[in-house]
Amino acid sequence: MRPADYFAINTLPAAFAKLGMHVDKLPILSQMVGENVAVRPGGGVSLAVGMDYIMVLMAIIMIDTVVTWISKLTSEGMPAKPVAGGM
């Protein structure tokens, strides 16, 4: 999670304004969890939003890895079948 998004979640609006930071992905994070997550101090919300963000990134990486693997298989051709009865 970006520092500005973290502070937007865990501080009051007046304190956040004094930091001079601008939120980056906070609207997207709020949409992902279906809740307005700004100004929700206490740590639980930022932990949940951070975990959600990490899980989405992991899913994107996994999908990219599978797509790369499949494209390599199709471009290089499938491996030859082993000879029956031999190793």
C-alpha atoms as a PDB file:
ATOM      1  CA  MET A   1       0.000   0.000   0.000  1.00  0.00           C
ATOM      2  CA  ARG A   2       1.249   3.463  -0.850  1.00  0.00           C
ATOM      3  CA  PRO A   3       2.207   5.679   2.118  1.00  0.00           C
ATOM      4  CA  ALA A   4      -0.350   8.366   1.216  1.00  0.00           C
ATOM      5  CA  ASP A   5      -3.135   5.781   1.059  1.00  0.00           C
ATOM      6  CA  TYR A   6      -2.071   4.359   4.429  1.00  0.00           C
ATOM      7  CA  PHE A   7      -2.106   7.781   6.077  1.00  0.00           C
ATOM      8  CA  ALA A   8      -5.452   8.659   4.437  1.00  0.00           C
ATOM      9  CA  ILE A   9      -6.921   5.571   6.104  1.00  0.00           C
ATOM     10  CA  ASN A  10      -5.295   6.023   9.518  1.00  0.00           C
ATOM     11  CA  THR A  11      -5.467   9.790  10.131  1.00  0.00           C
ATOM     12  CA  LEU A  12      -8.141  12.413  10.435  1.00  0.00           C
ATOM     13  CA  PRO A  13      -8.669  14.670   7.381  1.00  0.00           C
ATOM     14  CA  ALA A  14      -7.087  17.727   9.052  1.00  0.00           C
ATOM     15  CA  ALA A  15      -3.939  15.795   9.946  1.00  0.00           C
ATOM     16  CA  PHE A  16      -3.746  14.226   6.487  1.00  0.00           C
ATOM     17  CA  ALA A  17      -4.075  17.646   4.822  1.00  0.00           C
ATOM     18  CA  LYS A  18      -1.086  18.905   6.836  1.00  0.00           C
ATOM     19  CA  LEU A  19       1.058  16.073   5.429  1.00  0.00           C
ATOM     20  CA  GLY A  20       0.698  17.478   1.907  1.00  0.00           C
ATOM     21  CA  MET A  21       0.221  13.994   0.461  1.00  0.00           C
ATOM     22  CA  HIS A  22      -2.209  12.941  -2.255  1.00  0.00           C
ATOM     23  CA  VAL A  23      -3.933   9.569  -2.301  1.00  0.00           C
ATOM     24  CA  ASP A  24      -2.916   7.243  -5.091  1.00  0.00           C
ATOM     25  CA  LYS A  25      -4.965   4.077  -5.170  1.00  0.00           C
ATOM     26  CA  LEU A  26      -7.371   4.750  -2.294  1.00  0.00           C
ATOM     27  CA  PRO A  27     -10.490   5.035  -4.508  1.00  0.00           C
ATOM     28  CA  ILE A  28      -9.633   1.727  -6.187  1.00  0.00           C
ATOM     29  CA  LEU A  29      -8.919   0.081  -2.831  1.00  0.00           C
ATOM     30  CA  SER A  30     -12.269   1.323  -1.500  1.00  0.00           C
ATOM     31  CA  GLN A  31     -14.009  -0.091  -4.561  1.00  0.00           C
ATOM     32  CA  MET A  32     -12.234  -3.442  -4.178  1.00  0.00           C
ATOM     33  CA  VAL A  33     -13.475  -3.914  -0.616  1.00  0.00           C
ATOM     34  CA  GLY A  34     -16.869  -2.279  -1.230  1.00  0.00           C
ATOM     35  CA  GLU A  35     -16.459   0.242   1.586  1.00  0.00           C
ATOM     36  CA  ASN A  36     -15.151   3.787   1.978  1.00  0.00           C
ATOM     37  CA  VAL A  37     -11.880   3.104   3.771  1.00  0.00           C
ATOM     38  CA  ALA A  38     -10.692   6.695   4.244  1.00  0.00           C
ATOM     39  CA  VAL A  39     -10.463   8.012   7.813  1.00  0.00           C
ATOM     40  CA  ARG A  40     -10.751   4.617   9.502  1.00  0.00           C
ATOM     41  CA  PRO A  41      -7.960   4.733  12.114  1.00  0.00           C
ATOM     42  CA  GLY A  42      -7.159   1.800  14.335  1.00  0.00           C
ATOM     43  CA  GLY A  43      -5.111  -0.423  12.074  1.00  0.00           C
ATOM     44  CA  GLY A  44      -7.679  -3.097  11.237  1.00  0.00           C
ATOM     45  CA  VAL A  45      -8.898  -1.423   8.060  1.00  0.00           C
ATOM     46  CA  SER A  46      -5.402  -0.713   6.734  1.00  0.00           C
ATOM     47  CA  LEU A  47      -4.414  -4.317   7.496  1.00  0.00           C
ATOM     48  CA  ALA A  48      -7.450  -5.674   5.623  1.00  0.00           C
ATOM     49  CA  VAL A  49      -6.994  -3.321   2.676  1.00  0.00           C
ATOM     50  CA  GLY A  50      -3.270  -4.089   2.525  1.00  0.00           C
ATOM     51  CA  MET A  51      -3.948  -7.833   2.537  1.00  0.00           C
ATOM     52  CA  ASP A  52      -6.537  -7.414  -0.226  1.00  0.00           C
ATOM     53  CA  TYR A  53      -4.053  -5.399  -2.274  1.00  0.00           C
ATOM     54  CA  ILE A  54      -1.376  -8.076  -1.852  1.00  0.00           C
ATOM     55  CA  MET A  55      -3.787 -10.871  -2.823  1.00  0.00           C
ATOM     56  CA  VAL A  56      -4.809  -9.051  -6.009  1.00  0.00           C
ATOM     57  CA  LEU A  57      -1.156  -8.492  -6.932  1.00  0.00           C
ATOM     58  CA  MET A  58      -0.408 -12.171  -6.311  1.00  0.00           C
ATOM     59  CA  ALA A  59      -3.309 -13.190  -8.556  1.00  0.00           C
ATOM     60  CA  ILE A  60      -2.056 -10.910 -11.331  1.00  0.00           C
ATOM     61  CA  ILE A  61       1.455 -12.356 -11.038  1.00  0.00           C
ATOM     62  CA  MET A  62       0.111 -15.923 -11.088  1.00  0.00           C
ATOM     63  CA  ILE A  63      -2.033 -15.251 -14.172  1.00  0.00           C
ATOM     64  CA  ASP A  64       0.916 -13.622 -15.932  1.00  0.00           C
ATOM     65  CA  THR A  65       3.113 -16.617 -15.101  1.00  0.00           C
ATOM     66  CA  VAL A  66       0.566 -19.095 -16.466  1.00  0.00           C
ATOM     67  CA  VAL A  67       0.056 -17.054 -19.650  1.00  0.00           C
ATOM     68  CA  THR A  68       3.833 -16.876 -20.168  1.00  0.00           C
ATOM     69  CA  TRP A  69       4.197 -20.620 -19.564  1.00  0.00           C
ATOM     70  CA  ILE A  70       1.388 -21.476 -21.994  1.00  0.00           C
ATOM     71  CA  SER A  71       2.731 -19.144 -24.669  1.00  0.00           C
ATOM     72  CA  LYS A  72       6.173 -20.753 -24.373  1.00  0.00           C
ATOM     73  CA  LEU A  73       4.661 -24.212 -24.686  1.00  0.00           C
ATOM     74  CA  THR A  74       2.679 -23.288 -27.762  1.00  0.00           C
ATOM     75  CA  SER A  75       5.556 -21.435 -29.447  1.00  0.00           C
ATOM     76  CA  GLU A  76       8.131 -24.166 -28.803  1.00  0.00           C
ATOM     77  CA  GLY A  77       5.748 -27.017 -29.447  1.00  0.00           C
ATOM     78  CA  MET A  78       4.782 -29.735 -27.037  1.00  0.00           C
ATOM     79  CA  PRO A  79       7.521 -32.049 -25.787  1.00  0.00           C
ATOM     80  CA  ALA A  80       7.906 -35.339 -27.656  1.00  0.00           C
ATOM     81  CA  LYS A  81       5.982 -38.300 -26.322  1.00  0.00           C
ATOM     82  CA  PRO A  82       8.130 -40.832 -24.459  1.00  0.00           C
ATOM     83  CA  VAL A  83       8.757 -44.151 -26.198  1.00  0.00           C
ATOM     84  CA  ALA A  84       6.290 -46.780 -25.011  1.00  0.00           C
ATOM     85  CA  GLY A  85       7.817 -49.243 -22.567  1.00  0.00           C
ATOM     86  CA  GLY A  86      11.089 -47.345 -22.115  1.00  0.00           C
ATOM     87  CA  MET A  87      12.360 -44.723 -19.783  1.00  0.00           C
END
